[in-house]
Amino acid sequence: MSERAPFRVEVRTEPGRVVVMPWGDVDVETMPAVRRVLEDLRLSGWGHIVLDTRRITFLDSSGLRMLLEEQRAGAAPERSFALIAGSRAVARALEVSGLSGYFACAESSS
């Protein structure tokens, strides 16, 4: 039986933006860790935040709510929020919830 790798959130700074990459399931248990990272980045002055979804294996309704809240926060002046697509789980959650196409998309630099 294989064990799942522990959930983690990586942060990578790039010129003009910061990229946040959760690894694993983003659900009611792990979403607060992602939200905390996003809030800390905004409080420390990062205005342009990108969430890289390529390593997200599952996204529940609490994760969707977090994305919507970040979208609203990113609509403020001098701020933005975008997703790097690539996770089938995220694409499916967005499709089922009617949110496909709602979020800005960003390109990956890696």
N, C-alpha and C. Protein backbone atom coordinates (compact mmCIF):
# COMPACT_ATOMS: atom_id res chain seq x y z
N MET A 1 0.84 -1.16 0.00
CA MET A 1 0.00 0.00 0.00
C MET A 1 0.90 1.25 0.00
N SER A 2 0.63 2.16 -0.92
CA SER A 2 1.46 3.37 -0.98
C SER A 2 0.86 4.47 -0.12
N GLU A 3 1.74 5.22 0.49
CA GLU A 3 1.31 6.33 1.33
C GLU A 3 1.32 7.60 0.51
N ARG A 4 0.37 8.48 0.80
CA ARG A 4 0.35 9.78 0.16
C ARG A 4 1.41 10.66 0.77
N ALA A 5 1.99 11.49 -0.08
CA ALA A 5 2.95 12.47 0.43
C ALA A 5 2.19 13.48 1.28
N PRO A 6 2.81 14.02 2.30
CA PRO A 6 2.13 15.00 3.13
C PRO A 6 1.82 16.27 2.34
N PHE A 7 0.71 16.90 2.69
CA PHE A 7 0.31 18.14 2.05
C PHE A 7 1.35 19.22 2.34
N ARG A 8 1.61 20.04 1.34
CA ARG A 8 2.52 21.17 1.54
C ARG A 8 2.15 22.29 0.58
N VAL A 9 2.65 23.47 0.89
CA VAL A 9 2.45 24.65 0.05
C VAL A 9 3.81 25.27 -0.20
N GLU A 10 4.17 25.40 -1.47
CA GLU A 10 5.43 26.03 -1.84
C GLU A 10 5.15 27.43 -2.37
N VAL A 11 6.10 28.32 -2.16
CA VAL A 11 5.99 29.70 -2.65
C VAL A 11 7.25 30.01 -3.45
N ARG A 12 7.03 30.58 -4.62
CA ARG A 12 8.14 30.94 -5.50
C ARG A 12 7.95 32.39 -5.96
N THR A 13 8.94 33.22 -5.73
CA THR A 13 8.85 34.60 -6.20
C THR A 13 9.41 34.69 -7.61
N GLU A 14 8.75 35.50 -8.41
CA GLU A 14 9.15 35.75 -9.78
C GLU A 14 9.05 37.26 -10.01
N PRO A 15 9.65 37.77 -11.05
CA PRO A 15 9.56 39.21 -11.29
C PRO A 15 8.10 39.66 -11.40
N GLY A 16 7.69 40.51 -10.48
CA GLY A 16 6.37 41.10 -10.50
C GLY A 16 5.24 40.28 -9.95
N ARG A 17 5.53 39.07 -9.50
CA ARG A 17 4.46 38.22 -8.96
C ARG A 17 5.04 37.17 -8.03
N VAL A 18 4.14 36.56 -7.29
CA VAL A 18 4.51 35.43 -6.44
C VAL A 18 3.60 34.27 -6.82
N VAL A 19 4.18 33.07 -6.87
CA VAL A 19 3.44 31.87 -7.25
C VAL A 19 3.32 30.96 -6.04
N VAL A 20 2.09 30.54 -5.76
CA VAL A 20 1.79 29.65 -4.63
C VAL A 20 1.39 28.31 -5.23
N MET A 21 2.05 27.23 -4.78
CA MET A 21 1.77 25.91 -5.32
C MET A 21 1.44 24.92 -4.20
N PRO A 22 0.15 24.63 -4.02
CA PRO A 22 -0.22 23.57 -3.08
C PRO A 22 0.04 22.19 -3.69
N TRP A 23 0.46 21.26 -2.88
CA TRP A 23 0.71 19.88 -3.30
C TRP A 23 -0.25 18.98 -2.53
N GLY A 24 -1.18 18.33 -3.22
CA GLY A 24 -2.10 17.40 -2.58
C GLY A 24 -3.53 17.88 -2.64
N ASP A 25 -4.35 17.37 -1.74
CA ASP A 25 -5.76 17.72 -1.68
C ASP A 25 -5.94 19.06 -1.00
N VAL A 26 -6.73 19.94 -1.61
CA VAL A 26 -7.12 21.20 -0.98
C VAL A 26 -8.57 21.02 -0.55
N ASP A 27 -8.74 20.80 0.74
CA ASP A 27 -10.05 20.51 1.29
C ASP A 27 -10.22 21.23 2.62
N VAL A 28 -11.27 20.89 3.33
CA VAL A 28 -11.57 21.58 4.58
C VAL A 28 -10.42 21.50 5.59
N GLU A 29 -9.62 20.46 5.53
CA GLU A 29 -8.49 20.32 6.45
C GLU A 29 -7.28 21.14 6.03
N THR A 30 -7.00 21.19 4.73
CA THR A 30 -5.77 21.82 4.26
C THR A 30 -5.94 23.23 3.74
N MET A 31 -7.17 23.60 3.36
CA MET A 31 -7.42 24.92 2.81
C MET A 31 -6.95 26.05 3.73
N PRO A 32 -7.13 25.95 5.06
CA PRO A 32 -6.64 27.03 5.92
C PRO A 32 -5.13 27.30 5.76
N ALA A 33 -4.35 26.27 5.50
CA ALA A 33 -2.91 26.47 5.29
C ALA A 33 -2.65 27.27 4.02
N VAL A 34 -3.40 26.97 2.97
CA VAL A 34 -3.25 27.71 1.71
C VAL A 34 -3.71 29.15 1.92
N ARG A 35 -4.84 29.32 2.54
CA ARG A 35 -5.38 30.67 2.80
C ARG A 35 -4.39 31.49 3.62
N ARG A 36 -3.79 30.89 4.63
CA ARG A 36 -2.83 31.60 5.48
C ARG A 36 -1.64 32.10 4.65
N VAL A 37 -1.14 31.25 3.76
CA VAL A 37 -0.03 31.66 2.89
C VAL A 37 -0.46 32.83 2.01
N LEU A 38 -1.63 32.73 1.40
CA LEU A 38 -2.13 33.80 0.53
C LEU A 38 -2.31 35.11 1.30
N GLU A 39 -2.90 35.03 2.48
CA GLU A 39 -3.09 36.23 3.30
C GLU A 39 -1.76 36.83 3.73
N ASP A 40 -0.82 36.00 4.14
CA ASP A 40 0.50 36.49 4.55
C ASP A 40 1.20 37.20 3.40
N LEU A 41 1.07 36.65 2.20
CA LEU A 41 1.69 37.29 1.03
C LEU A 41 1.06 38.65 0.75
N ARG A 42 -0.25 38.73 0.81
CA ARG A 42 -0.93 40.02 0.59
C ARG A 42 -0.50 41.03 1.67
N LEU A 43 -0.47 40.59 2.92
CA LEU A 43 -0.08 41.50 4.02
C LEU A 43 1.36 41.96 3.91
N SER A 44 2.21 41.13 3.31
CA SER A 44 3.61 41.51 3.17
C SER A 44 3.87 42.34 1.91
N GLY A 45 2.80 42.68 1.18
CA GLY A 45 2.95 43.60 0.06
C GLY A 45 2.85 43.02 -1.32
N TRP A 46 2.68 41.72 -1.45
CA TRP A 46 2.54 41.13 -2.78
C TRP A 46 1.14 41.43 -3.32
N GLY A 47 1.08 42.08 -4.45
CA GLY A 47 -0.20 42.42 -5.05
C GLY A 47 -0.63 41.43 -6.12
N HIS A 48 0.34 40.83 -6.80
CA HIS A 48 0.04 39.95 -7.92
C HIS A 48 0.36 38.51 -7.52
N ILE A 49 -0.69 37.76 -7.26
CA ILE A 49 -0.55 36.40 -6.75
C ILE A 49 -1.11 35.41 -7.77
N VAL A 50 -0.35 34.35 -8.01
CA VAL A 50 -0.74 33.29 -8.93
C VAL A 50 -0.80 31.99 -8.13
N LEU A 51 -1.90 31.26 -8.29
CA LEU A 51 -2.02 29.94 -7.66
C LEU A 51 -1.79 28.89 -8.74
N ASP A 52 -0.73 28.13 -8.58
CA ASP A 52 -0.39 27.07 -9.52
C ASP A 52 -1.15 25.82 -9.11
N THR A 53 -2.10 25.39 -9.92
CA THR A 53 -2.97 24.27 -9.55
C THR A 53 -2.43 22.92 -9.99
N ARG A 54 -1.31 22.87 -10.65
CA ARG A 54 -0.86 21.63 -11.29
C ARG A 54 -0.63 20.47 -10.34
N ARG A 55 -0.41 20.72 -9.07
CA ARG A 55 -0.16 19.64 -8.10
C ARG A 55 -1.33 19.42 -7.14
N ILE A 56 -2.46 20.08 -7.41
CA ILE A 56 -3.65 19.87 -6.58
C ILE A 56 -4.35 18.61 -7.07
N THR A 57 -4.56 17.66 -6.15
CA THR A 57 -5.15 16.37 -6.51
C THR A 57 -6.65 16.30 -6.24
N PHE A 58 -7.18 17.24 -5.44
CA PHE A 58 -8.60 17.28 -5.11
C PHE A 58 -8.91 18.68 -4.63
N LEU A 59 -10.09 19.20 -5.00
CA LEU A 59 -10.52 20.53 -4.55
C LEU A 59 -11.97 20.44 -4.14
N ASP A 60 -12.26 20.69 -2.86
CA ASP A 60 -13.64 20.64 -2.40
C ASP A 60 -14.25 22.04 -2.36
N SER A 61 -15.45 22.14 -1.82
CA SER A 61 -16.16 23.43 -1.81
C SER A 61 -15.45 24.48 -0.98
N SER A 62 -14.73 24.08 0.06
CA SER A 62 -14.00 25.08 0.84
C SER A 62 -12.85 25.65 0.01
N GLY A 63 -12.23 24.82 -0.82
CA GLY A 63 -11.20 25.30 -1.73
C GLY A 63 -11.77 26.23 -2.79
N LEU A 64 -12.94 25.90 -3.32
CA LEU A 64 -13.60 26.78 -4.29
C LEU A 64 -13.92 28.14 -3.66
N ARG A 65 -14.42 28.12 -2.44
CA ARG A 65 -14.74 29.37 -1.73
C ARG A 65 -13.48 30.21 -1.56
N MET A 66 -12.37 29.57 -1.22
CA MET A 66 -11.11 30.29 -1.07
C MET A 66 -10.70 30.94 -2.39
N LEU A 67 -10.86 30.22 -3.51
CA LEU A 67 -10.52 30.78 -4.81
C LEU A 67 -11.37 32.01 -5.11
N LEU A 68 -12.66 31.93 -4.81
CA LEU A 68 -13.56 33.07 -5.04
C LEU A 68 -13.17 34.27 -4.16
N GLU A 69 -12.80 34.01 -2.92
CA GLU A 69 -12.37 35.09 -2.03
C GLU A 69 -11.08 35.73 -2.53
N GLU A 70 -10.16 34.93 -3.03
CA GLU A 70 -8.92 35.47 -3.58
C GLU A 70 -9.18 36.26 -4.85
N GLN A 71 -10.13 35.80 -5.65
CA GLN A 71 -10.51 36.53 -6.86
C GLN A 71 -11.01 37.93 -6.49
N ARG A 72 -11.84 38.00 -5.46
CA ARG A 72 -12.34 39.31 -5.00
C ARG A 72 -11.21 40.18 -4.47
N ALA A 73 -10.31 39.59 -3.69
CA ALA A 73 -9.17 40.35 -3.16
C ALA A 73 -8.27 40.83 -4.29
N GLY A 74 -8.14 40.04 -5.33
CA GLY A 74 -7.31 40.39 -6.47
C GLY A 74 -7.91 41.46 -7.36
N ALA A 75 -9.18 41.79 -7.14
CA ALA A 75 -9.84 42.81 -7.95
C ALA A 75 -9.55 44.22 -7.45
N ALA A 76 -8.92 44.34 -6.31
CA ALA A 76 -8.58 45.67 -5.75
C ALA A 76 -7.50 46.32 -6.61
N PRO A 77 -7.41 47.65 -6.55
CA PRO A 77 -6.36 48.34 -7.32
C PRO A 77 -4.97 47.81 -6.97
N GLU A 78 -4.13 47.69 -7.98
CA GLU A 78 -2.75 47.23 -7.82
C GLU A 78 -2.66 45.78 -7.37
N ARG A 79 -3.72 45.02 -7.58
CA ARG A 79 -3.71 43.61 -7.19
C ARG A 79 -4.25 42.74 -8.32
N SER A 80 -3.86 41.49 -8.30
CA SER A 80 -4.43 40.52 -9.24
C SER A 80 -4.32 39.12 -8.66
N PHE A 81 -5.16 38.25 -9.17
CA PHE A 81 -5.14 36.85 -8.79
C PHE A 81 -5.40 36.04 -10.04
N ALA A 82 -4.59 35.03 -10.27
CA ALA A 82 -4.76 34.18 -11.45
C ALA A 82 -4.38 32.75 -11.11
N LEU A 83 -4.81 31.84 -11.96
CA LEU A 83 -4.51 30.42 -11.80
C LEU A 83 -3.62 29.94 -12.92
N ILE A 84 -2.69 29.06 -12.59
CA ILE A 84 -1.99 28.28 -13.60
C ILE A 84 -2.75 26.97 -13.68
N ALA A 85 -3.34 26.71 -14.84
CA ALA A 85 -4.15 25.52 -15.02
C ALA A 85 -3.26 24.29 -15.16
N GLY A 86 -3.89 23.14 -15.06
CA GLY A 86 -3.15 21.91 -15.26
C GLY A 86 -3.65 20.76 -14.42
N SER A 87 -4.42 21.06 -13.39
CA SER A 87 -4.95 20.00 -12.54
C SER A 87 -6.32 19.57 -13.05
N ARG A 88 -6.45 18.29 -13.33
CA ARG A 88 -7.76 17.76 -13.75
C ARG A 88 -8.78 17.92 -12.62
N ALA A 89 -8.34 17.73 -11.38
CA ALA A 89 -9.24 17.83 -10.25
C ALA A 89 -9.80 19.25 -10.12
N VAL A 90 -8.95 20.24 -10.31
CA VAL A 90 -9.40 21.64 -10.22
C VAL A 90 -10.30 21.96 -11.41
N ALA A 91 -9.92 21.53 -12.60
CA ALA A 91 -10.74 21.78 -13.78
C ALA A 91 -12.14 21.19 -13.60
N ARG A 92 -12.20 20.00 -13.07
CA ARG A 92 -13.49 19.34 -12.85
C ARG A 92 -14.32 20.09 -11.80
N ALA A 93 -13.70 20.48 -10.70
CA ALA A 93 -14.43 21.22 -9.66
C ALA A 93 -14.96 22.54 -10.21
N LEU A 94 -14.16 23.23 -11.01
CA LEU A 94 -14.61 24.49 -11.60
C LEU A 94 -15.75 24.25 -12.59
N GLU A 95 -15.65 23.18 -13.35
CA GLU A 95 -16.70 22.86 -14.31
C GLU A 95 -18.03 22.54 -13.61
N VAL A 96 -17.98 21.66 -12.63
CA VAL A 96 -19.18 21.24 -11.91
C VAL A 96 -19.84 22.42 -11.20
N SER A 97 -19.03 23.34 -10.70
CA SER A 97 -19.57 24.49 -9.95
C SER A 97 -19.98 25.65 -10.86
N GLY A 98 -19.75 25.52 -12.16
CA GLY A 98 -20.11 26.59 -13.08
C GLY A 98 -19.10 27.72 -13.11
N LEU A 99 -17.90 27.48 -12.61
CA LEU A 99 -16.88 28.52 -12.53
C LEU A 99 -15.79 28.40 -13.61
N SER A 100 -15.96 27.52 -14.55
CA SER A 100 -14.99 27.41 -15.64
C SER A 100 -14.94 28.75 -16.37
N GLY A 101 -13.75 29.25 -16.60
CA GLY A 101 -13.60 30.51 -17.29
C GLY A 101 -13.75 31.75 -16.42
N TYR A 102 -14.05 31.56 -15.14
CA TYR A 102 -14.27 32.70 -14.24
C TYR A 102 -12.96 33.35 -13.80
N PHE A 103 -11.92 32.56 -13.67
CA PHE A 103 -10.64 33.05 -13.15
C PHE A 103 -9.68 33.39 -14.28
N ALA A 104 -8.88 34.41 -14.04
CA ALA A 104 -7.81 34.74 -14.98
C ALA A 104 -6.81 33.60 -14.98
N CYS A 105 -6.21 33.35 -16.14
CA CYS A 105 -5.20 32.31 -16.26
C CYS A 105 -3.83 32.95 -16.44
N ALA A 106 -2.84 32.32 -15.87
CA ALA A 106 -1.46 32.78 -15.98
C ALA A 106 -0.63 31.66 -16.59
N GLU A 107 0.46 32.04 -17.19
CA GLU A 107 1.40 31.07 -17.74
C GLU A 107 2.42 30.70 -16.68
N SER A 108 2.90 29.49 -16.75
CA SER A 108 3.95 29.04 -15.85
C SER A 108 5.30 29.47 -16.41
N SER A 109 6.19 29.86 -15.53
CA SER A 109 7.54 30.19 -15.97
C SER A 109 8.47 28.99 -15.88
N SER A 110 7.95 27.88 -15.33
CA SER A 110 8.80 26.69 -15.20
C SER A 110 8.20 25.51 -15.90
